C-alpha cells in the first residue's frame, strides 16, 4: 500500500465519536439484534480500514528544524518548499 504523507501536528481522525453515537442510538431505541449485527460488522470493517490507513502514514513535522526529505509526492515537495521559505525569512 502507498504511504500517505501527513502533517504530524494534526489530530488523529479515527471514528470514535460516530461509533459511540450510533451504538448509543441503537441501545436507546432498543433495536433488534439483526441491526446490531449489521452495525457491528460494518463498523468493524470501518475500524480495520481506518487503522490500516493510519498505519501507512508518513508523518512530517513542520516545527522541526531538521532538513525535510521530500517524498515523491507533490504534497511533500510543496511542504518542504514552504518550510525552506519560512526558514529564509
N, C-alpha and C. Protein backbone atom coordinates (compact mmCIF):
# COMPACT_ATOMS: atom_id res chain seq x y z
N UNK A 1 0.84 -1.17 0.00
CA UNK A 1 0.00 0.00 0.00
C UNK A 1 0.89 1.24 0.00
N UNK A 2 0.45 2.28 -0.68
CA UNK A 2 1.22 3.51 -0.80
C UNK A 2 1.19 4.28 0.52
N UNK A 3 2.36 4.84 0.88
CA UNK A 3 2.46 5.66 2.08
C UNK A 3 1.88 7.03 1.81
N UNK A 4 1.03 7.52 2.71
CA UNK A 4 0.48 8.86 2.61
C UNK A 4 1.31 9.79 3.47
N UNK A 5 1.55 11.01 3.00
CA UNK A 5 2.31 11.99 3.75
C UNK A 5 1.33 12.91 4.47
N UNK A 6 1.47 13.00 5.79
CA UNK A 6 0.57 13.82 6.61
C UNK A 6 1.40 14.69 7.54
N UNK A 7 0.78 15.75 8.03
CA UNK A 7 1.41 16.64 8.99
C UNK A 7 1.18 16.06 10.39
N UNK A 8 2.25 15.94 11.16
CA UNK A 8 2.15 15.26 12.46
C UNK A 8 1.42 16.08 13.51
N UNK A 9 1.23 17.37 13.30
CA UNK A 9 0.59 18.22 14.31
C UNK A 9 -0.93 18.18 14.25
N UNK A 10 -1.50 17.49 13.28
CA UNK A 10 -2.95 17.41 13.15
C UNK A 10 -3.50 16.27 14.02
N UNK A 11 -4.72 16.41 14.51
CA UNK A 11 -5.28 15.35 15.36
C UNK A 11 -5.60 14.09 14.56
N UNK A 12 -5.68 12.99 15.27
CA UNK A 12 -5.99 11.69 14.66
C UNK A 12 -7.45 11.67 14.25
N UNK A 13 -7.71 11.12 13.07
CA UNK A 13 -9.09 11.06 12.57
C UNK A 13 -9.57 9.60 12.58
N UNK A 14 -9.91 9.13 13.76
CA UNK A 14 -10.48 7.79 13.90
C UNK A 14 -11.96 7.94 14.26
N UNK A 15 -12.79 6.99 13.88
CA UNK A 15 -14.26 7.14 14.06
C UNK A 15 -14.75 6.85 15.48
N UNK A 16 -14.17 7.50 16.48
CA UNK A 16 -14.60 7.30 17.86
C UNK A 16 -16.01 7.84 18.09
N UNK A 17 -16.23 9.09 17.71
CA UNK A 17 -17.50 9.75 18.03
C UNK A 17 -18.68 9.09 17.33
N UNK A 18 -18.51 8.73 16.06
CA UNK A 18 -19.63 8.13 15.35
C UNK A 18 -19.94 6.73 15.90
N UNK A 19 -18.92 6.00 16.31
CA UNK A 19 -19.16 4.68 16.89
C UNK A 19 -19.95 4.80 18.19
N UNK A 20 -19.55 5.73 19.04
CA UNK A 20 -20.24 5.93 20.31
C UNK A 20 -21.67 6.41 20.08
N UNK A 21 -21.84 7.37 19.18
CA UNK A 21 -23.16 7.92 18.91
C UNK A 21 -24.12 6.87 18.38
N UNK A 22 -23.71 6.14 17.35
CA UNK A 22 -24.61 5.16 16.74
C UNK A 22 -24.89 3.97 17.66
N UNK A 23 -23.91 3.56 18.44
CA UNK A 23 -24.18 2.47 19.38
C UNK A 23 -25.13 2.94 20.48
N UNK A 24 -25.00 4.20 20.94
CA UNK A 24 -25.95 4.74 21.91
C UNK A 24 -27.36 4.79 21.33
N UNK A 25 -27.49 5.26 20.08
CA UNK A 25 -28.81 5.33 19.46
C UNK A 25 -29.43 3.96 19.28
N UNK A 26 -28.64 2.98 18.90
CA UNK A 26 -29.16 1.62 18.76
C UNK A 26 -29.62 1.07 20.11
N UNK A 27 -28.87 1.37 21.17
CA UNK A 27 -29.25 0.91 22.50
C UNK A 27 -30.49 1.65 23.00
N UNK A 28 -30.54 2.97 22.78
CA UNK A 28 -31.64 3.78 23.27
C UNK A 28 -32.97 3.38 22.65
N UNK A 29 -32.98 3.11 21.36
CA UNK A 29 -34.21 2.74 20.68
C UNK A 29 -34.48 1.24 20.68
N UNK A 30 -33.66 0.47 21.37
CA UNK A 30 -33.84 -0.97 21.58
C UNK A 30 -34.13 -1.70 20.25
N UNK A 31 -33.20 -1.59 19.32
CA UNK A 31 -33.38 -2.21 18.01
C UNK A 31 -33.09 -3.71 18.09
N UNK A 32 -33.51 -4.43 17.06
CA UNK A 32 -33.32 -5.88 17.02
C UNK A 32 -31.84 -6.24 16.94
N UNK A 33 -31.55 -7.47 17.27
CA UNK A 33 -30.17 -7.94 17.23
C UNK A 33 -29.64 -8.05 15.79
N UNK A 34 -30.53 -8.16 14.81
CA UNK A 34 -30.09 -8.18 13.41
C UNK A 34 -29.42 -6.85 13.06
N UNK A 35 -30.01 -5.74 13.47
CA UNK A 35 -29.42 -4.43 13.20
C UNK A 35 -28.12 -4.23 13.97
N UNK A 36 -28.06 -4.78 15.19
CA UNK A 36 -26.81 -4.74 15.94
C UNK A 36 -25.71 -5.49 15.19
N UNK A 37 -26.06 -6.63 14.65
CA UNK A 37 -25.07 -7.42 13.90
C UNK A 37 -24.58 -6.71 12.66
N UNK A 38 -25.50 -6.07 11.93
CA UNK A 38 -25.11 -5.30 10.75
C UNK A 38 -24.23 -4.13 11.15
N UNK A 39 -24.61 -3.43 12.21
CA UNK A 39 -23.83 -2.29 12.69
C UNK A 39 -22.43 -2.73 13.11
N UNK A 40 -22.33 -3.80 13.88
CA UNK A 40 -21.03 -4.27 14.36
C UNK A 40 -20.16 -4.71 13.19
N UNK A 41 -20.75 -5.38 12.21
CA UNK A 41 -19.98 -5.83 11.05
C UNK A 41 -19.45 -4.64 10.25
N UNK A 42 -20.32 -3.68 9.93
CA UNK A 42 -19.90 -2.54 9.13
C UNK A 42 -18.89 -1.67 9.86
N UNK A 43 -19.11 -1.44 11.15
CA UNK A 43 -18.17 -0.60 11.88
C UNK A 43 -16.86 -1.33 12.17
N UNK A 44 -16.87 -2.64 12.24
CA UNK A 44 -15.62 -3.38 12.37
C UNK A 44 -14.78 -3.21 11.10
N UNK A 45 -15.43 -3.29 9.95
CA UNK A 45 -14.73 -3.07 8.69
C UNK A 45 -14.21 -1.64 8.62
N UNK A 46 -15.02 -0.67 9.04
CA UNK A 46 -14.59 0.73 9.04
C UNK A 46 -13.38 0.93 9.94
N UNK A 47 -13.39 0.36 11.12
CA UNK A 47 -12.26 0.49 12.04
C UNK A 47 -11.00 -0.17 11.49
N UNK A 48 -11.14 -1.33 10.88
CA UNK A 48 -9.98 -2.01 10.30
C UNK A 48 -9.36 -1.17 9.19
N UNK A 49 -10.20 -0.61 8.32
CA UNK A 49 -9.69 0.24 7.23
C UNK A 49 -9.05 1.50 7.80
N UNK A 50 -9.65 2.11 8.81
CA UNK A 50 -9.09 3.33 9.41
C UNK A 50 -7.73 3.06 10.06
N UNK A 51 -7.59 1.92 10.71
CA UNK A 51 -6.31 1.58 11.34
C UNK A 51 -5.25 1.29 10.29
N UNK A 52 -5.62 0.61 9.21
CA UNK A 52 -4.66 0.33 8.14
C UNK A 52 -4.19 1.62 7.48
N UNK A 53 -5.12 2.55 7.24
CA UNK A 53 -4.74 3.85 6.65
C UNK A 53 -3.83 4.61 7.60
N UNK A 54 -4.14 4.59 8.88
CA UNK A 54 -3.31 5.27 9.87
C UNK A 54 -1.92 4.65 9.96
N UNK A 55 -1.84 3.34 9.82
CA UNK A 55 -0.57 2.61 9.89
C UNK A 55 0.35 3.00 8.73
N UNK A 56 -0.23 3.31 7.57
CA UNK A 56 0.56 3.59 6.38
C UNK A 56 0.82 5.07 6.15
N UNK A 57 0.73 5.87 7.19
CA UNK A 57 1.01 7.30 7.07
C UNK A 57 2.48 7.58 7.35
N UNK A 58 3.01 8.54 6.60
CA UNK A 58 4.36 9.02 6.84
C UNK A 58 4.24 10.45 7.36
N UNK A 59 4.67 10.67 8.58
CA UNK A 59 4.44 11.96 9.24
C UNK A 59 5.59 12.93 8.97
N UNK A 60 5.22 14.21 8.77
CA UNK A 60 6.18 15.29 8.60
C UNK A 60 5.91 16.31 9.69
N UNK A 61 6.96 16.70 10.41
CA UNK A 61 6.83 17.70 11.47
C UNK A 61 7.27 19.04 10.92
N UNK A 62 6.38 20.02 10.89
CA UNK A 62 6.71 21.34 10.35
C UNK A 62 7.51 22.18 11.32
N UNK A 63 7.45 21.88 12.61
CA UNK A 63 8.17 22.66 13.61
C UNK A 63 9.61 22.20 13.79
N UNK A 64 9.96 21.09 13.20
CA UNK A 64 11.30 20.53 13.35
C UNK A 64 12.28 21.31 12.47
N UNK A 65 13.47 21.60 13.00
CA UNK A 65 14.47 22.36 12.24
C UNK A 65 15.32 21.47 11.34
N UNK A 66 15.12 20.17 11.41
CA UNK A 66 15.89 19.27 10.57
C UNK A 66 15.47 19.45 9.11
N UNK A 67 16.36 19.07 8.23
CA UNK A 67 16.05 19.15 6.81
C UNK A 67 14.99 18.10 6.48
N UNK A 68 13.94 18.51 5.81
CA UNK A 68 12.86 17.59 5.45
C UNK A 68 13.20 16.96 4.11
N UNK A 69 13.23 15.66 4.10
CA UNK A 69 13.44 14.97 2.84
C UNK A 69 12.09 14.76 2.20
N UNK A 70 11.91 15.34 1.07
CA UNK A 70 10.62 15.28 0.39
C UNK A 70 10.44 13.89 -0.23
N UNK A 71 9.29 13.34 0.01
CA UNK A 71 8.96 12.07 -0.63
C UNK A 71 8.67 12.35 -2.10
N UNK A 72 8.21 11.37 -2.79
CA UNK A 72 7.98 11.54 -4.22
C UNK A 72 6.60 12.10 -4.53
N UNK A 73 5.94 12.69 -3.54
CA UNK A 73 4.63 13.26 -3.79
C UNK A 73 4.74 14.78 -3.91
N UNK A 74 3.84 15.38 -4.64
CA UNK A 74 3.85 16.83 -4.82
C UNK A 74 3.53 17.54 -3.51
N UNK A 75 2.69 16.90 -2.68
CA UNK A 75 2.33 17.48 -1.39
C UNK A 75 3.56 17.64 -0.51
N UNK A 76 4.39 16.61 -0.43
CA UNK A 76 5.58 16.65 0.41
C UNK A 76 6.60 17.64 -0.14
N UNK A 77 6.73 17.74 -1.47
CA UNK A 77 7.64 18.71 -2.07
C UNK A 77 7.19 20.14 -1.76
N UNK A 78 5.90 20.38 -1.83
CA UNK A 78 5.37 21.71 -1.54
C UNK A 78 5.58 22.07 -0.06
N UNK A 79 5.36 21.11 0.83
CA UNK A 79 5.60 21.35 2.25
C UNK A 79 7.07 21.68 2.51
N UNK A 80 7.97 20.95 1.88
CA UNK A 80 9.40 21.21 2.05
C UNK A 80 9.76 22.60 1.53
N UNK A 81 9.16 23.00 0.42
CA UNK A 81 9.41 24.33 -0.12
C UNK A 81 8.91 25.43 0.82
N UNK A 82 7.74 25.24 1.41
CA UNK A 82 7.20 26.22 2.36
C UNK A 82 8.08 26.33 3.58
N UNK A 83 8.57 25.20 4.08
CA UNK A 83 9.43 25.22 5.26
C UNK A 83 10.76 25.91 4.94
N UNK A 84 11.32 25.68 3.76
CA UNK A 84 12.57 26.34 3.37
C UNK A 84 12.36 27.85 3.24
N UNK A 85 11.21 28.26 2.67
CA UNK A 85 10.93 29.69 2.53
C UNK A 85 10.74 30.34 3.90
N UNK A 86 10.08 29.64 4.80
CA UNK A 86 9.85 30.18 6.14
C UNK A 86 11.17 30.31 6.89
N UNK A 87 12.08 29.38 6.69
CA UNK A 87 13.37 29.43 7.36
C UNK A 87 14.25 30.54 6.82
N UNK A 88 14.05 30.94 5.57
CA UNK A 88 14.86 32.01 4.97
C UNK A 88 14.45 33.37 5.47
N UNK A 89 13.27 33.54 5.98
CA UNK A 89 12.79 34.85 6.45
C UNK A 89 13.35 35.23 7.78
